[in-house]
Amino acid sequence: MADIVKTLALIAHDGKKADMVAFALQYRDRLMNYRLVATATTGRLLEEKCNLQVQRMLSGPHGGDAQIAAMVAEGQIEAVFFFIDPLTSQPHDPDINSLLRICNVHNVPLATNPATAAYLVSTKAV
């Protein structure tokens, strides 16, 4: 029986995109073992800067967070790495909160900062 490739979602607010790229570069070899899904700009940066293959959704403010939340609810996502900028208000906060709630409802690991994401990846928890 073939191994099933797990899917990780990668999202980062504008103020945290550099942190996401740095994280992805550090754990690139590990991330290459997953199917990666990201919001539009985060996905583009991961492709360009980290040479990772990423399925890009819409940008967060245009519904990308909601698209990923739907995938979590359908059991298609193993974990969500969403680097949130806690110091900047976001116009699409309802979508962000919905994604966080859906992860909690469906017991899906959720890393909102690089330290938690690194722990999940380095311990192979996902």
Protein backbone atom coordinates (compact mmCIF):
# COMPACT_ATOMS: atom_id res chain seq x y z
CA MET A 1 0.00 0.00 0.00
CA ALA A 2 1.42 3.40 -1.01
CA ASP A 3 2.00 6.06 1.60
CA ILE A 4 -0.62 8.80 1.61
CA VAL A 5 0.94 12.25 1.25
CA LYS A 6 -0.27 14.54 4.00
CA THR A 7 -1.21 18.15 3.33
CA LEU A 8 0.01 21.19 5.27
CA ALA A 9 -1.48 24.66 4.96
CA LEU A 10 0.93 27.61 5.13
CA ILE A 11 -0.36 31.13 5.71
CA ALA A 12 1.37 34.29 6.92
CA HIS A 13 0.22 37.82 7.50
CA ASP A 14 2.22 40.46 5.62
CA GLY A 15 4.32 41.27 8.69
CA LYS A 16 5.18 37.57 9.11
CA LYS A 17 5.90 36.51 5.53
CA ALA A 18 9.67 36.83 6.04
CA ASP A 19 9.34 34.54 9.08
CA MET A 20 7.43 32.00 6.98
CA VAL A 21 10.10 32.06 4.26
CA ALA A 22 12.86 31.65 6.86
CA PHE A 23 10.97 28.75 8.45
CA ALA A 24 10.40 27.09 5.08
CA LEU A 25 14.05 27.45 4.11
CA GLN A 26 15.18 25.92 7.41
CA TYR A 27 12.76 22.97 7.11
CA ARG A 28 12.64 22.76 3.30
CA ASP A 29 13.75 19.12 3.14
CA ARG A 30 10.99 18.12 5.56
CA LEU A 31 8.33 20.26 3.87
CA MET A 32 9.08 18.65 0.51
CA ASN A 33 7.52 15.45 1.88
CA TYR A 34 4.11 17.12 2.11
CA ARG A 35 1.56 18.49 -0.27
CA LEU A 36 1.61 22.22 0.49
CA VAL A 37 -1.35 24.58 0.25
CA ALA A 38 -1.00 28.30 0.87
CA THR A 39 -2.76 31.59 0.42
CA ALA A 40 -1.74 33.42 -2.77
CA THR A 41 1.13 35.68 -1.78
CA THR A 42 2.56 33.31 0.82
CA GLY A 43 2.46 30.52 -1.76
CA ARG A 44 4.18 32.64 -4.39
CA LEU A 45 6.96 33.56 -1.95
CA LEU A 46 7.45 29.92 -0.95
CA GLU A 47 7.72 28.93 -4.60
CA GLU A 48 10.10 31.74 -5.53
CA LYS A 49 12.30 31.92 -2.42
CA CYS A 50 12.25 28.28 -1.24
CA ASN A 51 11.72 26.40 -4.51
CA LEU A 52 8.76 24.52 -3.01
CA GLN A 53 5.77 23.29 -4.98
CA VAL A 54 2.66 24.94 -3.55
CA GLN A 55 -1.02 24.86 -4.43
CA ARG A 56 -2.04 28.50 -4.18
CA MET A 57 -5.47 29.52 -3.01
CA LEU A 58 -6.91 33.05 -3.10
CA SER A 59 -5.22 35.71 -0.99
CA GLY A 60 -6.42 35.76 2.62
CA PRO A 61 -8.52 38.94 2.32
CA HIS A 62 -10.15 37.57 -0.85
CA GLY A 63 -11.24 34.25 0.66
CA GLY A 64 -8.08 32.15 0.86
CA ASP A 65 -8.41 31.68 4.63
CA ALA A 66 -12.00 30.50 4.10
CA GLN A 67 -10.91 28.11 1.33
CA ILE A 68 -8.33 26.55 3.64
CA ALA A 69 -10.88 26.40 6.49
CA ALA A 70 -13.18 24.41 4.20
CA MET A 71 -10.34 21.98 3.42
CA VAL A 72 -9.69 21.56 7.16
CA ALA A 73 -13.40 20.85 7.76
CA GLU A 74 -13.34 18.24 4.98
CA GLY A 75 -10.36 16.45 6.56
CA GLN A 76 -7.96 17.37 3.75
CA ILE A 77 -5.39 19.23 5.90
CA GLU A 78 -3.05 17.55 8.41
CA ALA A 79 -1.91 20.79 10.08
CA VAL A 80 -2.11 24.56 9.61
CA PHE A 81 0.91 26.83 10.01
CA PHE A 82 -0.58 30.33 10.17
CA PHE A 83 1.98 32.93 11.22
CA ILE A 84 -0.23 35.64 12.68
CA ASP A 85 0.88 39.23 13.23
CA PRO A 86 -0.65 39.98 16.65
CA LEU A 87 0.28 43.67 16.44
CA THR A 88 -1.62 44.48 13.24
CA SER A 89 -5.38 44.43 12.82
CA GLN A 90 -6.63 42.55 9.76
CA PRO A 91 -9.69 43.58 7.74
CA HIS A 92 -10.64 39.92 7.24
CA ASP A 93 -10.54 38.98 10.95
CA PRO A 94 -13.83 37.03 10.70
CA ASP A 95 -12.25 34.64 8.15
CA ILE A 96 -9.13 34.30 10.29
CA ASN A 97 -11.16 33.53 13.40
CA SER A 98 -13.25 31.04 11.46
CA LEU A 99 -10.12 29.19 10.33
CA LEU A 100 -8.77 29.08 13.88
CA ARG A 101 -12.14 27.83 15.17
CA ILE A 102 -12.39 25.15 12.48
CA CYS A 103 -8.90 23.88 13.37
CA ASN A 104 -9.98 23.61 17.00
CA VAL A 105 -13.33 21.97 16.18
CA HIS A 106 -11.63 19.34 14.02
CA ASN A 107 -8.61 18.88 16.31
CA VAL A 108 -6.13 19.90 13.61
CA PRO A 109 -2.70 21.07 14.81
CA LEU A 110 -2.39 24.84 14.45
CA ALA A 111 0.92 26.71 14.70
CA THR A 112 0.51 30.47 14.86
CA ASN A 113 4.21 31.28 15.22
CA PRO A 114 7.54 29.90 13.99
CA ALA A 115 8.47 28.30 17.33
CA THR A 116 5.36 26.11 17.39
CA ALA A 117 5.72 25.24 13.70
CA ALA A 118 9.36 24.27 14.22
CA TYR A 119 8.39 22.07 17.17
CA LEU A 120 5.71 20.27 15.15
CA VAL A 121 8.03 19.70 12.20
CA SER A 122 11.14 18.75 14.18
CA THR A 123 9.29 16.27 16.39
CA LYS A 124 7.54 14.85 13.32
CA ALA A 125 4.19 15.39 15.05
CA VAL A 126 2.69 16.06 11.62
